[in-house]
Amino acid sequence: MTAQVSQALSPTATTPVPLTPQATDTFTEAQFGPNGILLTVTTTGTATTVTVLDPATNTTPLGNPGAPVGQVCPATGVRDIVMRRAAINASTGIASVTFSGALTGVTYTAKQI
């Protein structure tokens, strides 16, 4: 697991800081904006599936834990994925996201939204 750092959005031009994903990356609650984190995944030759993990402390109105759904990113392309504040584990204050595959040529940015 790698603890990553998100960027705050700014009214002035900023340079996005690309992150190199590991199999599992984590973000603390302090890294989230009021609406979460926007992950912009860029792939250059390797497809990956990105999954925002459910902390299992959140349940549906019927009391069932949510099942995380992986978002498929093609071998070459850019995809936006929102990590909502509901992904934060209430007891640890940490949210996790996983990336599948070799991850060669995969980068992403994380912006507070």
N, C-alpha and C. Protein backbone atom coordinates (compact mmCIF):
# COMPACT_ATOMS: atom_id res chain seq x y z
N MET A 1 0.84 -1.18 0.00
CA MET A 1 0.00 0.00 0.00
C MET A 1 0.89 1.24 0.00
N THR A 2 0.44 2.23 -0.75
CA THR A 2 1.15 3.50 -0.79
C THR A 2 0.20 4.61 -0.41
N ALA A 3 0.61 5.43 0.55
CA ALA A 3 -0.17 6.61 0.93
C ALA A 3 0.10 7.69 -0.10
N GLN A 4 -0.94 8.13 -0.80
CA GLN A 4 -0.79 9.14 -1.84
C GLN A 4 -1.28 10.50 -1.34
N VAL A 5 -0.97 11.54 -2.10
CA VAL A 5 -1.35 12.90 -1.75
C VAL A 5 -2.15 13.50 -2.89
N SER A 6 -3.30 14.09 -2.56
CA SER A 6 -4.13 14.74 -3.58
C SER A 6 -3.75 16.20 -3.72
N GLN A 7 -4.20 16.82 -4.80
CA GLN A 7 -3.98 18.24 -5.04
C GLN A 7 -5.29 19.00 -4.86
N ALA A 8 -5.19 20.19 -4.31
CA ALA A 8 -6.36 21.07 -4.21
C ALA A 8 -6.51 21.82 -5.53
N LEU A 9 -7.74 22.02 -5.97
CA LEU A 9 -7.99 22.82 -7.16
C LEU A 9 -7.75 24.28 -6.83
N SER A 10 -7.32 25.03 -7.83
CA SER A 10 -6.96 26.43 -7.62
C SER A 10 -7.51 27.26 -8.76
N PRO A 11 -7.85 28.55 -8.48
CA PRO A 11 -8.32 29.41 -9.56
C PRO A 11 -7.20 29.79 -10.54
N THR A 12 -5.95 29.55 -10.15
CA THR A 12 -4.83 29.83 -11.04
C THR A 12 -4.35 28.52 -11.67
N ALA A 13 -3.61 28.65 -12.76
CA ALA A 13 -3.11 27.47 -13.46
C ALA A 13 -2.13 26.71 -12.57
N THR A 14 -2.32 25.40 -12.50
CA THR A 14 -1.41 24.55 -11.74
C THR A 14 -0.98 23.38 -12.61
N THR A 15 0.14 22.81 -12.29
CA THR A 15 0.64 21.64 -13.00
C THR A 15 0.19 20.39 -12.26
N PRO A 16 -0.55 19.52 -12.92
CA PRO A 16 -0.96 18.28 -12.26
C PRO A 16 0.27 17.45 -11.88
N VAL A 17 0.22 16.85 -10.72
CA VAL A 17 1.30 15.99 -10.26
C VAL A 17 0.89 14.54 -10.51
N PRO A 18 1.54 13.86 -11.48
CA PRO A 18 1.16 12.47 -11.74
C PRO A 18 1.62 11.55 -10.63
N LEU A 19 0.77 10.60 -10.28
CA LEU A 19 1.07 9.59 -9.27
C LEU A 19 1.27 8.26 -9.97
N THR A 20 2.19 7.46 -9.47
CA THR A 20 2.40 6.11 -9.98
C THR A 20 1.65 5.15 -9.08
N PRO A 21 0.66 4.46 -9.62
CA PRO A 21 -0.15 3.59 -8.76
C PRO A 21 0.59 2.33 -8.32
N GLN A 22 0.22 1.86 -7.16
CA GLN A 22 0.62 0.54 -6.67
C GLN A 22 -0.62 -0.34 -6.74
N ALA A 23 -0.54 -1.57 -6.34
CA ALA A 23 -1.72 -2.44 -6.36
C ALA A 23 -2.83 -1.85 -5.50
N THR A 24 -2.46 -1.23 -4.36
CA THR A 24 -3.42 -0.54 -3.50
C THR A 24 -2.82 0.79 -3.07
N ASP A 25 -3.55 1.86 -3.28
CA ASP A 25 -3.16 3.19 -2.82
C ASP A 25 -4.17 3.68 -1.80
N THR A 26 -3.72 4.50 -0.87
CA THR A 26 -4.62 5.01 0.16
C THR A 26 -4.58 6.53 0.22
N PHE A 27 -5.68 7.10 0.70
CA PHE A 27 -5.80 8.53 0.91
C PHE A 27 -6.41 8.75 2.29
N THR A 28 -5.87 9.70 3.04
CA THR A 28 -6.46 10.03 4.34
C THR A 28 -7.65 10.95 4.13
N GLU A 29 -8.48 11.06 5.14
CA GLU A 29 -9.65 11.93 5.05
C GLU A 29 -9.25 13.37 4.74
N ALA A 30 -8.10 13.80 5.23
CA ALA A 30 -7.63 15.17 4.99
C ALA A 30 -7.36 15.43 3.51
N GLN A 31 -7.16 14.37 2.72
CA GLN A 31 -6.88 14.52 1.29
C GLN A 31 -8.15 14.75 0.47
N PHE A 32 -9.32 14.60 1.08
CA PHE A 32 -10.59 14.72 0.38
C PHE A 32 -11.09 16.16 0.39
N GLY A 33 -11.73 16.56 -0.71
CA GLY A 33 -12.48 17.80 -0.73
C GLY A 33 -13.88 17.51 -0.21
N PRO A 34 -14.76 18.51 -0.17
CA PRO A 34 -16.11 18.28 0.35
C PRO A 34 -16.90 17.23 -0.44
N ASN A 35 -16.57 17.03 -1.72
CA ASN A 35 -17.27 16.05 -2.55
C ASN A 35 -16.42 14.83 -2.90
N GLY A 36 -15.21 14.77 -2.38
CA GLY A 36 -14.37 13.61 -2.64
C GLY A 36 -13.07 13.96 -3.35
N ILE A 37 -12.59 12.98 -4.11
CA ILE A 37 -11.35 13.12 -4.90
C ILE A 37 -11.67 12.68 -6.32
N LEU A 38 -11.21 13.46 -7.30
CA LEU A 38 -11.33 13.08 -8.71
C LEU A 38 -10.02 12.42 -9.13
N LEU A 39 -10.09 11.14 -9.50
CA LEU A 39 -8.94 10.42 -10.02
C LEU A 39 -8.99 10.48 -11.53
N THR A 40 -7.94 10.98 -12.16
CA THR A 40 -7.85 10.99 -13.61
C THR A 40 -6.75 10.00 -13.99
N VAL A 41 -7.17 8.86 -14.52
CA VAL A 41 -6.26 7.76 -14.82
C VAL A 41 -5.85 7.83 -16.29
N THR A 42 -4.53 7.82 -16.53
CA THR A 42 -3.99 7.84 -17.89
C THR A 42 -3.25 6.53 -18.14
N THR A 43 -3.61 5.87 -19.22
CA THR A 43 -2.95 4.62 -19.59
C THR A 43 -2.27 4.80 -20.94
N THR A 44 -1.06 4.26 -21.05
CA THR A 44 -0.30 4.36 -22.30
C THR A 44 0.25 2.99 -22.67
N GLY A 45 -0.66 2.07 -22.95
CA GLY A 45 -0.25 0.75 -23.41
C GLY A 45 -0.66 -0.39 -22.51
N THR A 46 -1.13 -0.11 -21.30
CA THR A 46 -1.54 -1.17 -20.38
C THR A 46 -2.92 -0.85 -19.83
N ALA A 47 -3.86 -1.77 -20.04
CA ALA A 47 -5.19 -1.59 -19.46
C ALA A 47 -5.14 -1.87 -17.96
N THR A 48 -6.01 -1.23 -17.22
CA THR A 48 -6.10 -1.47 -15.78
C THR A 48 -7.55 -1.32 -15.34
N THR A 49 -7.88 -1.96 -14.27
CA THR A 49 -9.20 -1.80 -13.66
C THR A 49 -8.99 -1.12 -12.32
N VAL A 50 -9.69 -0.02 -12.11
CA VAL A 50 -9.56 0.78 -10.89
C VAL A 50 -10.81 0.54 -10.03
N THR A 51 -10.60 0.20 -8.77
CA THR A 51 -11.72 -0.06 -7.87
C THR A 51 -11.56 0.76 -6.60
N VAL A 52 -12.55 1.60 -6.33
CA VAL A 52 -12.60 2.32 -5.06
C VAL A 52 -13.23 1.36 -4.07
N LEU A 53 -12.48 1.01 -3.03
CA LEU A 53 -12.96 0.00 -2.09
C LEU A 53 -14.01 0.55 -1.15
N ASP A 54 -14.96 -0.31 -0.80
CA ASP A 54 -16.00 0.03 0.16
C ASP A 54 -15.43 -0.25 1.54
N PRO A 55 -15.51 0.71 2.47
CA PRO A 55 -14.93 0.47 3.79
C PRO A 55 -15.72 -0.52 4.65
N ALA A 56 -16.81 -1.03 4.14
CA ALA A 56 -17.65 -2.01 4.83
C ALA A 56 -18.30 -1.45 6.09
N THR A 57 -18.14 -0.15 6.31
CA THR A 57 -18.82 0.47 7.44
C THR A 57 -20.06 1.21 6.95
N ASN A 58 -20.16 1.35 5.64
CA ASN A 58 -21.32 2.01 5.04
C ASN A 58 -22.25 0.93 4.51
N THR A 59 -23.52 1.13 4.64
CA THR A 59 -24.48 0.14 4.14
C THR A 59 -25.56 0.83 3.33
N THR A 60 -26.24 0.02 2.56
CA THR A 60 -27.38 0.51 1.79
C THR A 60 -28.53 0.75 2.76
N PRO A 61 -29.61 1.39 2.30
CA PRO A 61 -30.76 1.59 3.20
C PRO A 61 -31.31 0.29 3.79
N LEU A 62 -31.06 -0.83 3.11
CA LEU A 62 -31.52 -2.11 3.64
C LEU A 62 -30.49 -2.76 4.55
N GLY A 63 -29.35 -2.10 4.76
CA GLY A 63 -28.34 -2.64 5.65
C GLY A 63 -27.33 -3.55 5.00
N ASN A 64 -27.30 -3.61 3.66
CA ASN A 64 -26.35 -4.47 2.97
C ASN A 64 -25.10 -3.67 2.61
N PRO A 65 -23.92 -4.27 2.82
CA PRO A 65 -22.72 -3.56 2.42
C PRO A 65 -22.68 -3.42 0.90
N GLY A 66 -22.15 -2.33 0.43
CA GLY A 66 -22.04 -2.11 -1.02
C GLY A 66 -20.97 -2.99 -1.62
N ALA A 67 -21.14 -3.36 -2.86
CA ALA A 67 -20.14 -4.16 -3.58
C ALA A 67 -19.39 -3.22 -4.52
N PRO A 68 -18.07 -3.09 -4.33
CA PRO A 68 -17.33 -2.18 -5.21
C PRO A 68 -17.33 -2.68 -6.65
N VAL A 69 -17.46 -1.75 -7.56
CA VAL A 69 -17.46 -2.07 -8.98
C VAL A 69 -16.20 -1.48 -9.60
N GLY A 70 -15.41 -2.33 -10.24
CA GLY A 70 -14.19 -1.88 -10.91
C GLY A 70 -14.53 -1.07 -12.16
N GLN A 71 -13.75 -0.03 -12.37
CA GLN A 71 -13.91 0.81 -13.56
C GLN A 71 -12.77 0.46 -14.52
N VAL A 72 -13.14 -0.02 -15.70
CA VAL A 72 -12.14 -0.47 -16.67
C VAL A 72 -11.56 0.72 -17.42
N CYS A 73 -10.24 0.81 -17.42
CA CYS A 73 -9.53 1.83 -18.19
C CYS A 73 -8.83 1.12 -19.34
N PRO A 74 -9.02 1.59 -20.58
CA PRO A 74 -8.45 0.90 -21.74
C PRO A 74 -6.92 0.97 -21.76
N ALA A 75 -6.32 0.21 -22.65
CA ALA A 75 -4.86 0.19 -22.75
C ALA A 75 -4.28 1.57 -23.05
N THR A 76 -4.98 2.36 -23.81
CA THR A 76 -4.53 3.72 -24.10
C THR A 76 -5.72 4.65 -23.98
N GLY A 77 -5.64 5.58 -23.03
CA GLY A 77 -6.73 6.51 -22.85
C GLY A 77 -6.67 7.22 -21.51
N VAL A 78 -7.71 8.03 -21.26
CA VAL A 78 -7.83 8.79 -20.02
C VAL A 78 -9.25 8.59 -19.49
N ARG A 79 -9.37 8.29 -18.20
CA ARG A 79 -10.67 8.10 -17.57
C ARG A 79 -10.72 8.85 -16.25
N ASP A 80 -11.86 9.47 -15.96
CA ASP A 80 -12.09 10.14 -14.68
C ASP A 80 -12.94 9.23 -13.79
N ILE A 81 -12.54 9.12 -12.53
CA ILE A 81 -13.25 8.30 -11.55
C ILE A 81 -13.37 9.12 -10.27
N VAL A 82 -14.57 9.21 -9.73
CA VAL A 82 -14.79 9.97 -8.50
C VAL A 82 -14.73 9.02 -7.30
N MET A 83 -13.88 9.38 -6.33
CA MET A 83 -13.83 8.66 -5.06
C MET A 83 -14.58 9.53 -4.06
N ARG A 84 -15.79 9.13 -3.71
CA ARG A 84 -16.63 9.92 -2.81
C ARG A 84 -16.19 9.73 -1.35
N ARG A 85 -16.59 10.68 -0.53
CA ARG A 85 -16.24 10.63 0.89
C ARG A 85 -16.75 9.36 1.57
N ALA A 86 -17.77 8.73 1.01
CA ALA A 86 -18.30 7.49 1.58
C ALA A 86 -17.26 6.36 1.54
N ALA A 87 -16.20 6.52 0.77
CA ALA A 87 -15.15 5.51 0.70
C ALA A 87 -14.22 5.54 1.92
N ILE A 88 -14.35 6.58 2.74
CA ILE A 88 -13.48 6.72 3.92
C ILE A 88 -13.96 5.78 5.02
N ASN A 89 -13.06 4.99 5.55
CA ASN A 89 -13.38 4.11 6.67
C ASN A 89 -13.49 4.98 7.92
N ALA A 90 -14.63 4.94 8.57
CA ALA A 90 -14.89 5.81 9.73
C ALA A 90 -13.93 5.55 10.88
N SER A 91 -13.49 4.32 11.06
CA SER A 91 -12.62 4.01 12.20
C SER A 91 -11.15 4.32 11.94
N THR A 92 -10.73 4.29 10.66
CA THR A 92 -9.31 4.55 10.36
C THR A 92 -9.08 5.90 9.70
N GLY A 93 -10.13 6.48 9.08
CA GLY A 93 -9.97 7.73 8.36
C GLY A 93 -9.24 7.58 7.04
N ILE A 94 -9.20 6.36 6.52
CA ILE A 94 -8.47 6.07 5.28
C ILE A 94 -9.41 5.49 4.23
N ALA A 95 -9.20 5.89 2.98
CA ALA A 95 -9.91 5.32 1.83
C ALA A 95 -8.88 4.64 0.95
N SER A 96 -9.28 3.53 0.32
CA SER A 96 -8.36 2.76 -0.52
C SER A 96 -8.90 2.61 -1.93
N VAL A 97 -7.96 2.57 -2.87
CA VAL A 97 -8.29 2.33 -4.27
C VAL A 97 -7.28 1.30 -4.79
N THR A 98 -7.78 0.34 -5.60
CA THR A 98 -6.88 -0.68 -6.14
C THR A 98 -6.76 -0.53 -7.65
N PHE A 99 -5.63 -0.98 -8.16
CA PHE A 99 -5.34 -0.98 -9.59
C PHE A 99 -4.91 -2.39 -9.97
N SER A 100 -5.50 -2.94 -11.04
CA SER A 100 -5.15 -4.29 -11.45
C SER A 100 -4.12 -4.25 -12.57
N GLY A 101 -3.47 -5.38 -12.76
CA GLY A 101 -2.57 -5.53 -13.90
C GLY A 101 -1.14 -5.13 -13.61
N ALA A 102 -0.34 -5.07 -14.68
CA ALA A 102 1.09 -4.79 -14.58
C ALA A 102 1.37 -3.33 -14.21
N LEU A 103 0.49 -2.42 -14.58
CA LEU A 103 0.57 -0.98 -14.29
C LEU A 103 1.71 -0.26 -15.00
N THR A 104 2.36 -0.93 -15.95
CA THR A 104 3.38 -0.25 -16.76
C THR A 104 2.69 0.79 -17.63
N GLY A 105 3.14 2.03 -17.56
CA GLY A 105 2.53 3.09 -18.36
C GLY A 105 1.23 3.63 -17.79
N VAL A 106 0.93 3.32 -16.54
CA VAL A 106 -0.29 3.83 -15.90
C VAL A 106 0.10 4.90 -14.89
N THR A 107 -0.51 6.07 -15.00
CA THR A 107 -0.35 7.13 -14.01
C THR A 107 -1.73 7.70 -13.71
N TYR A 108 -1.81 8.49 -12.65
CA TYR A 108 -3.07 9.18 -12.37
C TYR A 108 -2.82 10.42 -11.55
N THR A 109 -3.80 11.31 -11.58
CA THR A 109 -3.77 12.46 -10.71
C THR A 109 -4.94 12.33 -9.75
N ALA A 110 -4.81 12.98 -8.59
CA ALA A 110 -5.85 12.95 -7.59
C ALA A 110 -6.12 14.39 -7.17
N LYS A 111 -7.31 14.88 -7.48
CA LYS A 111 -7.66 16.28 -7.17
C LYS A 111 -8.84 16.32 -6.24
N GLN A 112 -8.73 17.16 -5.23
CA GLN A 112 -9.83 17.37 -4.28
C GLN A 112 -10.98 18.07 -5.00
N ILE A 113 -12.18 17.53 -4.81
CA ILE A 113 -13.36 18.17 -5.42
C ILE A 113 -14.39 18.46 -4.35
